[in-house]
Amino acid sequence: MGRHREFDPDEALHIALHVFRRRGYEGTSISDLTEAMGITRPSLYAAFGNKEDLFRRTLDLYERQHLCFAHAALQAPTVREAVERLLRGYIDVLTDPTSPPGCLGVNGAVACSEASEPIREELIARRMVNENNLRDRLETARAGGDFPSDEDPADWARYVVSIGLGMAVRAASGASREELQRVVDVALRGWPTLPR
């Protein structure tokens, strides 16, 4: 009869997410993970594979639990409202008092060595999915008359994502929720208006 695992893999994954979010991918060692999770190296490898595999699973969990607001935000009646909901929802994630400040994807990608290039590429690919989803929403809005026809949806999607990435870096550096809300206020002042 097989031996029962001495830990709950779901709980361990949540703990790993917290550690990666606080330290980033590169800054987190296997020892950091096993100590925080209260498990041995063999148990970690048996349950999750290597560090890279575990990080990918924590990214999936992070997207499901923390970034799930994004899909609903894009369904807002107007594209400006969708962008505002995206940015303000992201602020809630970045400044959640129950989690380390900042964003797992940004904290994980900022300092990656050559050995961690596959993780950096994974993070970039996931970010591009989000940017492309926003671009598609902007294109739909432009076709429906809710976004100026002379504006480029790809440029505006890049702009909005860049605002989000900047806020993530600022949050990790200690910026308050109120400061980030003001960043969004300023960004939205420049939103293109429809011709009258």
N, C-alpha and C. Protein backbone atom coordinates (compact mmCIF):
# COMPACT_ATOMS: atom_id res chain seq x y z
N MET A 1 0.84 -1.18 0.00
CA MET A 1 0.00 0.00 0.00
C MET A 1 0.89 1.25 0.00
N GLY A 2 0.57 2.20 -0.87
CA GLY A 2 1.39 3.41 -0.99
C GLY A 2 1.29 4.28 0.24
N ARG A 3 2.35 4.99 0.50
CA ARG A 3 2.39 5.90 1.64
C ARG A 3 1.65 7.18 1.30
N HIS A 4 0.85 7.69 2.24
CA HIS A 4 0.12 8.94 2.02
C HIS A 4 1.09 10.12 2.01
N ARG A 5 0.81 11.10 1.19
CA ARG A 5 1.64 12.31 1.20
C ARG A 5 1.45 13.02 2.53
N GLU A 6 2.54 13.60 3.01
CA GLU A 6 2.46 14.25 4.31
C GLU A 6 2.08 15.73 4.19
N PHE A 7 1.69 16.16 3.01
CA PHE A 7 1.31 17.56 2.84
C PHE A 7 0.19 17.66 1.82
N ASP A 8 -0.47 18.80 1.84
CA ASP A 8 -1.55 19.07 0.90
C ASP A 8 -0.95 19.80 -0.30
N PRO A 9 -0.93 19.18 -1.48
CA PRO A 9 -0.30 19.83 -2.64
C PRO A 9 -0.92 21.19 -2.99
N ASP A 10 -2.24 21.33 -2.82
CA ASP A 10 -2.87 22.63 -3.13
C ASP A 10 -2.38 23.72 -2.18
N GLU A 11 -2.32 23.37 -0.91
CA GLU A 11 -1.82 24.34 0.07
C GLU A 11 -0.35 24.67 -0.20
N ALA A 12 0.43 23.65 -0.53
CA ALA A 12 1.85 23.86 -0.83
C ALA A 12 2.02 24.77 -2.05
N LEU A 13 1.16 24.61 -3.04
CA LEU A 13 1.22 25.45 -4.24
C LEU A 13 0.92 26.91 -3.89
N HIS A 14 -0.05 27.13 -3.01
CA HIS A 14 -0.36 28.49 -2.57
C HIS A 14 0.83 29.12 -1.83
N ILE A 15 1.50 28.30 -1.02
CA ILE A 15 2.68 28.79 -0.31
C ILE A 15 3.79 29.13 -1.31
N ALA A 16 4.00 28.27 -2.29
CA ALA A 16 5.02 28.52 -3.30
C ALA A 16 4.72 29.81 -4.06
N LEU A 17 3.46 30.04 -4.37
CA LEU A 17 3.06 31.28 -5.04
C LEU A 17 3.48 32.48 -4.21
N HIS A 18 3.22 32.43 -2.91
CA HIS A 18 3.57 33.53 -2.02
C HIS A 18 5.09 33.76 -2.03
N VAL A 19 5.87 32.68 -1.98
CA VAL A 19 7.33 32.79 -1.95
C VAL A 19 7.84 33.38 -3.27
N PHE A 20 7.36 32.84 -4.39
CA PHE A 20 7.79 33.36 -5.70
C PHE A 20 7.38 34.81 -5.88
N ARG A 21 6.21 35.15 -5.39
CA ARG A 21 5.73 36.51 -5.57
C ARG A 21 6.60 37.48 -4.77
N ARG A 22 7.05 37.06 -3.61
CA ARG A 22 7.87 37.92 -2.77
C ARG A 22 9.31 38.02 -3.30
N ARG A 23 9.87 36.90 -3.77
CA ARG A 23 11.30 36.86 -4.12
C ARG A 23 11.58 36.85 -5.62
N GLY A 24 10.56 36.60 -6.44
CA GLY A 24 10.79 36.44 -7.87
C GLY A 24 11.29 35.03 -8.16
N TYR A 25 11.34 34.69 -9.42
CA TYR A 25 11.77 33.33 -9.80
C TYR A 25 13.24 33.12 -9.47
N GLU A 26 14.06 34.03 -9.94
CA GLU A 26 15.51 33.89 -9.79
C GLU A 26 15.93 33.95 -8.32
N GLY A 27 15.25 34.78 -7.54
CA GLY A 27 15.62 34.97 -6.15
C GLY A 27 15.13 33.88 -5.20
N THR A 28 14.38 32.93 -5.72
CA THR A 28 13.84 31.85 -4.90
C THR A 28 14.63 30.58 -5.12
N SER A 29 15.10 30.00 -4.03
CA SER A 29 15.83 28.73 -4.12
C SER A 29 14.91 27.57 -3.76
N ILE A 30 15.32 26.38 -4.12
CA ILE A 30 14.58 25.18 -3.73
C ILE A 30 14.49 25.11 -2.20
N SER A 31 15.56 25.49 -1.52
CA SER A 31 15.55 25.49 -0.06
C SER A 31 14.52 26.46 0.49
N ASP A 32 14.40 27.64 -0.14
CA ASP A 32 13.37 28.60 0.28
C ASP A 32 11.99 27.96 0.17
N LEU A 33 11.78 27.27 -0.94
CA LEU A 33 10.47 26.65 -1.18
C LEU A 33 10.18 25.52 -0.20
N THR A 34 11.14 24.62 -0.04
CA THR A 34 10.90 23.48 0.85
C THR A 34 10.72 23.93 2.29
N GLU A 35 11.47 24.94 2.70
CA GLU A 35 11.33 25.45 4.06
C GLU A 35 9.95 26.06 4.27
N ALA A 36 9.52 26.91 3.33
CA ALA A 36 8.22 27.56 3.46
C ALA A 36 7.07 26.55 3.37
N MET A 37 7.22 25.55 2.51
CA MET A 37 6.16 24.57 2.30
C MET A 37 6.18 23.47 3.37
N GLY A 38 7.28 23.38 4.09
CA GLY A 38 7.40 22.36 5.12
C GLY A 38 7.51 20.94 4.57
N ILE A 39 8.21 20.83 3.43
CA ILE A 39 8.36 19.52 2.80
C ILE A 39 9.83 19.29 2.44
N THR A 40 10.13 18.08 2.06
CA THR A 40 11.50 17.73 1.66
C THR A 40 11.66 17.97 0.16
N ARG A 41 12.90 18.03 -0.29
CA ARG A 41 13.17 18.17 -1.73
C ARG A 41 12.55 17.03 -2.53
N PRO A 42 12.74 15.77 -2.09
CA PRO A 42 12.13 14.68 -2.86
C PRO A 42 10.60 14.82 -2.96
N SER A 43 9.96 15.29 -1.90
CA SER A 43 8.51 15.49 -1.94
C SER A 43 8.13 16.58 -2.94
N LEU A 44 8.92 17.66 -2.94
CA LEU A 44 8.66 18.75 -3.89
C LEU A 44 8.79 18.25 -5.32
N TYR A 45 9.89 17.54 -5.60
CA TYR A 45 10.11 17.05 -6.96
C TYR A 45 9.04 16.04 -7.36
N ALA A 46 8.64 15.19 -6.43
CA ALA A 46 7.63 14.17 -6.74
C ALA A 46 6.27 14.81 -7.04
N ALA A 47 5.94 15.86 -6.31
CA ALA A 47 4.63 16.49 -6.48
C ALA A 47 4.59 17.50 -7.61
N PHE A 48 5.67 18.23 -7.82
CA PHE A 48 5.62 19.37 -8.73
C PHE A 48 6.66 19.35 -9.85
N GLY A 49 7.60 18.44 -9.83
CA GLY A 49 8.67 18.46 -10.81
C GLY A 49 9.77 19.40 -10.33
N ASN A 50 10.47 20.03 -11.25
CA ASN A 50 11.57 20.92 -10.87
C ASN A 50 11.05 22.33 -10.55
N LYS A 51 11.95 23.23 -10.24
CA LYS A 51 11.57 24.60 -9.88
C LYS A 51 10.81 25.29 -11.01
N GLU A 52 11.26 25.08 -12.24
CA GLU A 52 10.60 25.69 -13.39
C GLU A 52 9.16 25.20 -13.53
N ASP A 53 8.96 23.89 -13.37
CA ASP A 53 7.61 23.32 -13.44
C ASP A 53 6.72 23.90 -12.33
N LEU A 54 7.28 23.98 -11.13
CA LEU A 54 6.52 24.53 -10.00
C LEU A 54 6.16 25.98 -10.26
N PHE A 55 7.09 26.76 -10.81
CA PHE A 55 6.80 28.17 -11.09
C PHE A 55 5.68 28.29 -12.11
N ARG A 56 5.71 27.45 -13.14
CA ARG A 56 4.64 27.50 -14.15
C ARG A 56 3.28 27.19 -13.50
N ARG A 57 3.27 26.25 -12.59
CA ARG A 57 2.01 25.92 -11.90
C ARG A 57 1.55 27.07 -11.01
N THR A 58 2.51 27.77 -10.39
CA THR A 58 2.11 28.92 -9.58
C THR A 58 1.60 30.06 -10.48
N LEU A 59 2.17 30.20 -11.67
CA LEU A 59 1.65 31.19 -12.62
C LEU A 59 0.20 30.88 -13.00
N ASP A 60 -0.08 29.60 -13.25
CA ASP A 60 -1.46 29.20 -13.57
C ASP A 60 -2.40 29.55 -12.42
N LEU A 61 -1.97 29.23 -11.20
CA LEU A 61 -2.77 29.54 -10.01
C LEU A 61 -2.96 31.04 -9.86
N TYR A 62 -1.90 31.79 -10.06
CA TYR A 62 -1.96 33.25 -9.95
C TYR A 62 -2.96 33.83 -10.95
N GLU A 63 -2.91 33.34 -12.18
CA GLU A 63 -3.85 33.83 -13.19
C GLU A 63 -5.29 33.48 -12.82
N ARG A 64 -5.51 32.26 -12.33
CA ARG A 64 -6.87 31.84 -11.95
C ARG A 64 -7.40 32.63 -10.76
N GLN A 65 -6.56 32.86 -9.78
CA GLN A 65 -7.02 33.47 -8.53
C GLN A 65 -6.93 34.99 -8.50
N HIS A 66 -5.93 35.55 -9.12
CA HIS A 66 -5.68 36.98 -8.97
C HIS A 66 -5.97 37.79 -10.22
N LEU A 67 -5.83 37.20 -11.39
CA LEU A 67 -6.03 37.96 -12.62
C LEU A 67 -7.35 37.62 -13.32
N CYS A 68 -8.20 36.88 -12.63
CA CYS A 68 -9.46 36.43 -13.23
C CYS A 68 -10.42 37.60 -13.51
N PHE A 69 -10.19 38.75 -12.90
CA PHE A 69 -11.04 39.92 -13.12
C PHE A 69 -10.92 40.45 -14.55
N ALA A 70 -9.81 40.14 -15.22
CA ALA A 70 -9.51 40.76 -16.52
C ALA A 70 -10.55 40.39 -17.58
N HIS A 71 -10.97 39.15 -17.61
CA HIS A 71 -11.96 38.74 -18.62
C HIS A 71 -13.25 39.53 -18.45
N ALA A 72 -13.74 39.64 -17.23
CA ALA A 72 -14.97 40.39 -16.98
C ALA A 72 -14.77 41.88 -17.30
N ALA A 73 -13.60 42.42 -16.99
CA ALA A 73 -13.33 43.83 -17.25
C ALA A 73 -13.48 44.13 -18.74
N LEU A 74 -12.99 43.23 -19.58
CA LEU A 74 -13.06 43.46 -21.02
C LEU A 74 -14.48 43.41 -21.57
N GLN A 75 -15.42 42.91 -20.78
CA GLN A 75 -16.82 42.85 -21.21
C GLN A 75 -17.59 44.13 -20.89
N ALA A 76 -16.93 45.12 -20.32
CA ALA A 76 -17.60 46.38 -19.97
C ALA A 76 -18.25 46.99 -21.20
N PRO A 77 -19.32 47.76 -20.99
CA PRO A 77 -20.07 48.32 -22.13
C PRO A 77 -19.25 49.19 -23.07
N THR A 78 -18.32 49.99 -22.52
CA THR A 78 -17.47 50.82 -23.38
C THR A 78 -16.02 50.40 -23.20
N VAL A 79 -15.21 50.65 -24.21
CA VAL A 79 -13.81 50.24 -24.13
C VAL A 79 -13.05 51.07 -23.10
N ARG A 80 -13.42 52.33 -22.93
CA ARG A 80 -12.77 53.14 -21.90
C ARG A 80 -13.06 52.56 -20.53
N GLU A 81 -14.29 52.17 -20.30
CA GLU A 81 -14.65 51.55 -19.03
C GLU A 81 -13.91 50.22 -18.85
N ALA A 82 -13.75 49.47 -19.93
CA ALA A 82 -13.02 48.20 -19.85
C ALA A 82 -11.57 48.45 -19.42
N VAL A 83 -10.94 49.45 -20.01
CA VAL A 83 -9.55 49.77 -19.66
C VAL A 83 -9.47 50.23 -18.21
N GLU A 84 -10.41 51.06 -17.80
CA GLU A 84 -10.39 51.52 -16.40
C GLU A 84 -10.57 50.35 -15.45
N ARG A 85 -11.49 49.45 -15.76
CA ARG A 85 -11.68 48.27 -14.89
C ARG A 85 -10.44 47.39 -14.85
N LEU A 86 -9.77 47.25 -16.00
CA LEU A 86 -8.53 46.47 -16.03
C LEU A 86 -7.48 47.08 -15.12
N LEU A 87 -7.24 48.38 -15.28
CA LEU A 87 -6.19 49.02 -14.51
C LEU A 87 -6.51 49.08 -13.02
N ARG A 88 -7.75 49.39 -12.68
CA ARG A 88 -8.11 49.47 -11.26
C ARG A 88 -8.17 48.08 -10.63
N GLY A 89 -8.60 47.09 -11.39
CA GLY A 89 -8.57 45.73 -10.89
C GLY A 89 -7.15 45.25 -10.63
N TYR A 90 -6.25 45.66 -11.51
CA TYR A 90 -4.84 45.29 -11.36
C TYR A 90 -4.25 45.94 -10.11
N ILE A 91 -4.67 47.17 -9.82
CA ILE A 91 -4.21 47.83 -8.60
C ILE A 91 -4.60 47.00 -7.38
N ASP A 92 -5.83 46.46 -7.38
CA ASP A 92 -6.26 45.62 -6.26
C ASP A 92 -5.33 44.42 -6.08
N VAL A 93 -4.90 43.82 -7.19
CA VAL A 93 -3.99 42.68 -7.13
C VAL A 93 -2.62 43.13 -6.61
N LEU A 94 -2.12 44.23 -7.14
CA LEU A 94 -0.78 44.71 -6.79
C LEU A 94 -0.65 45.12 -5.34
N THR A 95 -1.75 45.58 -4.75
CA THR A 95 -1.69 46.12 -3.39
C THR A 95 -2.51 45.30 -2.40
N ASP A 96 -2.83 44.08 -2.75
CA ASP A 96 -3.59 43.19 -1.85
C ASP A 96 -2.80 43.02 -0.55
N PRO A 97 -3.37 43.42 0.58
CA PRO A 97 -2.61 43.35 1.83
C PRO A 97 -2.29 41.93 2.29
N THR A 98 -2.95 40.93 1.72
CA THR A 98 -2.69 39.55 2.12
C THR A 98 -1.59 38.90 1.28
N SER A 99 -1.03 39.64 0.33
CA SER A 99 0.01 39.10 -0.56
C SER A 99 1.18 40.07 -0.63
N PRO A 100 2.35 39.58 -1.03
CA PRO A 100 3.47 40.51 -1.25
C PRO A 100 3.10 41.52 -2.34
N PRO A 101 3.57 42.76 -2.21
CA PRO A 101 3.21 43.78 -3.20
C PRO A 101 3.83 43.48 -4.56
N GLY A 102 3.15 43.97 -5.59
CA GLY A 102 3.64 43.78 -6.94
C GLY A 102 2.96 42.63 -7.64
N CYS A 103 3.55 42.20 -8.73
CA CYS A 103 2.96 41.19 -9.61
C CYS A 103 3.92 40.02 -9.78
N LEU A 104 3.40 38.82 -9.67
CA LEU A 104 4.24 37.63 -9.84
C LEU A 104 4.95 37.65 -11.18
N GLY A 105 4.24 37.98 -12.26
CA GLY A 105 4.84 37.98 -13.59
C GLY A 105 5.95 38.99 -13.74
N VAL A 106 5.76 40.19 -13.17
CA VAL A 106 6.78 41.23 -13.28
C VAL A 106 7.93 40.93 -12.34
N ASN A 107 7.62 40.59 -11.08
CA ASN A 107 8.68 40.26 -10.13
C ASN A 107 9.50 39.08 -10.63
N GLY A 108 8.84 38.14 -11.28
CA GLY A 108 9.53 36.95 -11.77
C GLY A 108 10.40 37.20 -12.97
N ALA A 109 10.08 38.20 -13.76
CA ALA A 109 10.78 38.41 -15.03
C ALA A 109 11.87 39.47 -14.97
N VAL A 110 11.83 40.33 -13.98
CA VAL A 110 12.72 41.48 -13.98
C VAL A 110 14.19 41.07 -13.93
N ALA A 111 14.54 40.10 -13.11
CA ALA A 111 15.94 39.69 -12.99
C ALA A 111 16.06 38.21 -13.31
N CYS A 112 16.21 37.90 -14.58
CA CYS A 112 16.38 36.50 -15.00
C CYS A 112 17.73 36.34 -15.67
N SER A 113 18.48 35.34 -15.23
CA SER A 113 19.77 35.04 -15.85
C SER A 113 19.53 34.25 -17.13
N GLU A 114 20.61 33.97 -17.86
CA GLU A 114 20.49 33.16 -19.07
C GLU A 114 19.88 31.80 -18.79
N ALA A 115 20.23 31.23 -17.63
CA ALA A 115 19.70 29.91 -17.27
C ALA A 115 18.19 29.94 -17.10
N SER A 116 17.65 31.11 -16.78
CA SER A 116 16.21 31.24 -16.56
C SER A 116 15.48 31.80 -17.78
N GLU A 117 16.15 31.83 -18.92
CA GLU A 117 15.55 32.39 -20.14
C GLU A 117 14.20 31.75 -20.48
N PRO A 118 14.02 30.42 -20.32
CA PRO A 118 12.70 29.85 -20.63
C PRO A 118 11.58 30.44 -19.78
N ILE A 119 11.86 30.77 -18.53
CA ILE A 119 10.86 31.39 -17.66
C ILE A 119 10.56 32.80 -18.14
N ARG A 120 11.58 33.56 -18.47
CA ARG A 120 11.37 34.91 -18.98
C ARG A 120 10.51 34.89 -20.24
N GLU A 121 10.81 33.95 -21.14
CA GLU A 121 10.04 33.82 -22.38
C GLU A 121 8.59 33.44 -22.09
N GLU A 122 8.39 32.56 -21.11
CA GLU A 122 7.04 32.17 -20.71
C GLU A 122 6.25 33.37 -20.19
N LEU A 123 6.89 34.17 -19.36
CA LEU A 123 6.22 35.35 -18.81
C LEU A 123 5.88 36.36 -19.91
N ILE A 124 6.78 36.54 -20.84
CA ILE A 124 6.53 37.45 -21.96
C ILE A 124 5.37 36.94 -22.80
N ALA A 125 5.34 35.63 -23.07
CA ALA A 125 4.26 35.05 -23.87
C ALA A 125 2.91 35.23 -23.18
N ARG A 126 2.87 35.02 -21.88
CA ARG A 126 1.60 35.20 -21.14
C ARG A 126 1.17 36.66 -21.16
N ARG A 127 2.13 37.57 -21.03
CA ARG A 127 1.79 38.99 -21.07
C ARG A 127 1.25 39.35 -22.45
N MET A 128 1.82 38.77 -23.50
CA MET A 128 1.35 39.06 -24.86
C MET A 128 -0.08 38.58 -25.08
N VAL A 129 -0.45 37.48 -24.46
CA VAL A 129 -1.85 37.02 -24.56
C VAL A 129 -2.78 38.11 -24.03
N ASN A 130 -2.42 38.67 -22.87
CA ASN A 130 -3.26 39.73 -22.28
C ASN A 130 -3.28 40.98 -23.16
N GLU A 131 -2.14 41.34 -23.69
CA GLU A 131 -2.07 42.51 -24.55
C GLU A 131 -2.89 42.29 -25.83
N ASN A 132 -2.81 41.09 -26.38
CA ASN A 132 -3.58 40.78 -27.59
C ASN A 132 -5.08 40.77 -27.32
N ASN A 133 -5.48 40.29 -26.15
CA ASN A 133 -6.90 40.32 -25.79
C ASN A 133 -7.41 41.75 -25.72
N LEU A 134 -6.60 42.63 -25.15
CA LEU A 134 -6.99 44.04 -25.07
C LEU A 134 -7.01 44.66 -26.46
N ARG A 135 -6.02 44.35 -27.28
CA ARG A 135 -6.01 44.88 -28.65
C ARG A 135 -7.27 44.45 -29.40
N ASP A 136 -7.65 43.17 -29.24
CA ASP A 136 -8.87 42.68 -29.89
C ASP A 136 -10.10 43.46 -29.42
N ARG A 137 -10.17 43.75 -28.12
CA ARG A 137 -11.30 44.51 -27.58
C ARG A 137 -11.31 45.91 -28.16
N LEU A 138 -10.14 46.52 -28.30
CA LEU A 138 -10.05 47.85 -28.88
C LEU A 138 -10.43 47.84 -30.36
N GLU A 139 -10.03 46.80 -31.08
CA GLU A 139 -10.41 46.69 -32.49
C GLU A 139 -11.92 46.55 -32.64
N THR A 140 -12.53 45.75 -31.76
CA THR A 140 -13.99 45.60 -31.77
C THR A 140 -14.66 46.94 -31.48
N ALA A 141 -14.11 47.67 -30.52
CA ALA A 141 -14.68 48.98 -30.18
C ALA A 141 -14.55 49.95 -31.35
N ARG A 142 -13.41 49.92 -32.02
CA ARG A 142 -13.22 50.81 -33.16
C ARG A 142 -14.21 50.49 -34.27
N ALA A 143 -14.38 49.20 -34.54
CA ALA A 143 -15.34 48.78 -35.58
C ALA A 143 -16.76 49.18 -35.21
N GLY A 144 -17.06 49.22 -33.91
CA GLY A 144 -18.41 49.57 -33.46
C GLY A 144 -18.61 51.03 -33.16
N GLY A 145 -17.61 51.86 -33.44
CA GLY A 145 -17.74 53.30 -33.24
C GLY A 145 -17.48 53.76 -31.81
N ASP A 146 -16.91 52.89 -30.95
CA ASP A 146 -16.65 53.25 -29.56
C ASP A 146 -15.18 53.63 -29.33
N PHE A 147 -14.40 53.69 -30.41
CA PHE A 147 -12.99 54.05 -30.32
C PHE A 147 -12.65 54.75 -31.63
N PRO A 148 -11.90 55.84 -31.59
CA PRO A 148 -11.64 56.61 -32.81
C PRO A 148 -11.02 55.77 -33.93
N SER A 149 -11.52 55.96 -35.12
CA SER A 149 -11.08 55.16 -36.27
C SER A 149 -9.64 55.47 -36.67
N ASP A 150 -9.13 56.64 -36.27
CA ASP A 150 -7.77 57.00 -36.66
C ASP A 150 -6.73 56.61 -35.59
N GLU A 151 -7.16 55.89 -34.56
CA GLU A 151 -6.24 55.43 -33.51
C GLU A 151 -5.90 53.96 -33.74
N ASP A 152 -4.69 53.57 -33.38
CA ASP A 152 -4.22 52.20 -33.57
C ASP A 152 -4.46 51.38 -32.29
N PRO A 153 -5.34 50.39 -32.35
CA PRO A 153 -5.61 49.56 -31.17
C PRO A 153 -4.36 48.90 -30.59
N ALA A 154 -3.42 48.47 -31.45
CA ALA A 154 -2.20 47.82 -30.95
C ALA A 154 -1.36 48.81 -30.13
N ASP A 155 -1.27 50.07 -30.59
CA ASP A 155 -0.52 51.07 -29.84
C ASP A 155 -1.14 51.31 -28.47
N TRP A 156 -2.47 51.41 -28.43
CA TRP A 156 -3.15 51.67 -27.17
C TRP A 156 -3.10 50.46 -26.24
N ALA A 157 -3.13 49.26 -26.79
CA ALA A 157 -3.00 48.06 -25.95
C ALA A 157 -1.61 48.04 -25.31
N ARG A 158 -0.57 48.37 -26.09
CA ARG A 158 0.80 48.44 -25.55
C ARG A 158 0.89 49.49 -24.46
N TYR A 159 0.25 50.63 -24.70
CA TYR A 159 0.27 51.72 -23.73
C TYR A 159 -0.36 51.28 -22.40
N VAL A 160 -1.53 50.68 -22.47
CA VAL A 160 -2.24 50.26 -21.26
C VAL A 160 -1.43 49.20 -20.51
N VAL A 161 -0.88 48.23 -21.24
CA VAL A 161 -0.06 47.20 -20.60
C VAL A 161 1.18 47.82 -19.97
N SER A 162 1.77 48.79 -20.64
CA SER A 162 2.95 49.46 -20.08
C SER A 162 2.61 50.21 -18.80
N ILE A 163 1.44 50.82 -18.75
CA ILE A 163 0.99 51.48 -17.51
C ILE A 163 0.90 50.42 -16.40
N GLY A 164 0.29 49.29 -16.72
CA GLY A 164 0.15 48.21 -15.73
C GLY A 164 1.50 47.71 -15.24
N LEU A 165 2.44 47.51 -16.15
CA LEU A 165 3.77 47.02 -15.77
C LEU A 165 4.48 48.04 -14.89
N GLY A 166 4.37 49.30 -15.24
CA GLY A 166 4.97 50.34 -14.42
C GLY A 166 4.37 50.38 -13.03
N MET A 167 3.06 50.22 -12.95
CA MET A 167 2.42 50.21 -11.63
C MET A 167 2.89 49.01 -10.81
N ALA A 168 3.13 47.88 -11.48
CA ALA A 168 3.60 46.69 -10.76
C ALA A 168 4.97 46.94 -10.14
N VAL A 169 5.85 47.58 -10.90
CA VAL A 169 7.18 47.90 -10.38
C VAL A 169 7.06 48.88 -9.22
N ARG A 170 6.21 49.88 -9.37
CA ARG A 170 6.03 50.87 -8.29
C ARG A 170 5.44 50.22 -7.05
N ALA A 171 4.47 49.32 -7.23
CA ALA A 171 3.86 48.64 -6.08
C ALA A 171 4.90 47.82 -5.34
N ALA A 172 5.74 47.10 -6.09
CA ALA A 172 6.80 46.29 -5.47
C ALA A 172 7.81 47.17 -4.73
N SER A 173 7.89 48.44 -5.14
CA SER A 173 8.81 49.39 -4.50
C SER A 173 8.15 50.16 -3.36
N GLY A 174 6.89 49.81 -3.07
CA GLY A 174 6.23 50.42 -1.91
C GLY A 174 5.16 51.45 -2.21
N ALA A 175 4.81 51.68 -3.48
CA ALA A 175 3.76 52.66 -3.78
C ALA A 175 2.44 52.20 -3.18
N SER A 176 1.67 53.15 -2.70
CA SER A 176 0.39 52.84 -2.07
C SER A 176 -0.70 52.67 -3.13
N ARG A 177 -1.80 52.08 -2.71
CA ARG A 177 -2.97 51.94 -3.58
C ARG A 177 -3.42 53.31 -4.09
N GLU A 178 -3.42 54.30 -3.19
CA GLU A 178 -3.88 55.64 -3.56
C GLU A 178 -2.98 56.26 -4.63
N GLU A 179 -1.67 56.08 -4.50
CA GLU A 179 -0.74 56.59 -5.51
C GLU A 179 -1.01 55.95 -6.87
N LEU A 180 -1.24 54.64 -6.87
CA LEU A 180 -1.49 53.95 -8.14
C LEU A 180 -2.84 54.36 -8.73
N GLN A 181 -3.82 54.62 -7.88
CA GLN A 181 -5.12 55.11 -8.39
C GLN A 181 -4.91 56.44 -9.11
N ARG A 182 -4.04 57.27 -8.59
CA ARG A 182 -3.78 58.56 -9.24
C ARG A 182 -3.08 58.37 -10.59
N VAL A 183 -2.21 57.34 -10.68
CA VAL A 183 -1.58 57.03 -11.97
C VAL A 183 -2.65 56.71 -13.00
N VAL A 184 -3.63 55.90 -12.61
CA VAL A 184 -4.72 55.55 -13.53
C VAL A 184 -5.53 56.78 -13.89
N ASP A 185 -5.81 57.63 -12.92
CA ASP A 185 -6.55 58.87 -13.20
C ASP A 185 -5.85 59.67 -14.29
N VAL A 186 -4.54 59.82 -14.17
CA VAL A 186 -3.78 60.60 -15.15
C VAL A 186 -3.77 59.89 -16.50
N ALA A 187 -3.58 58.58 -16.50
CA ALA A 187 -3.55 57.83 -17.76
C ALA A 187 -4.87 57.97 -18.50
N LEU A 188 -5.97 57.93 -17.76
CA LEU A 188 -7.29 57.99 -18.42
C LEU A 188 -7.62 59.39 -18.93
N ARG A 189 -6.95 60.41 -18.39
CA ARG A 189 -7.16 61.76 -18.91
C ARG A 189 -6.74 61.85 -20.37
N GLY A 190 -5.76 61.02 -20.75
CA GLY A 190 -5.27 61.05 -22.12
C GLY A 190 -6.00 60.09 -23.06
N TRP A 191 -7.07 59.46 -22.57
CA TRP A 191 -7.79 58.51 -23.41
C TRP A 191 -8.39 59.24 -24.60
N PRO A 192 -8.28 58.69 -25.81
CA PRO A 192 -8.78 59.41 -26.98
C PRO A 192 -10.30 59.58 -26.97
N THR A 193 -10.73 60.73 -27.39
CA THR A 193 -12.17 61.00 -27.42
C THR A 193 -12.69 60.81 -28.84
N LEU A 194 -13.93 60.43 -28.89
CA LEU A 194 -14.57 60.25 -30.20
C LEU A 194 -14.90 61.61 -30.80
N PRO A 195 -14.79 61.73 -32.13
CA PRO A 195 -15.16 63.01 -32.76
C PRO A 195 -16.65 63.27 -32.57
N ARG A 196 -16.99 64.53 -32.40
CA ARG A 196 -18.41 64.90 -32.20
C ARG A 196 -19.10 65.09 -33.53
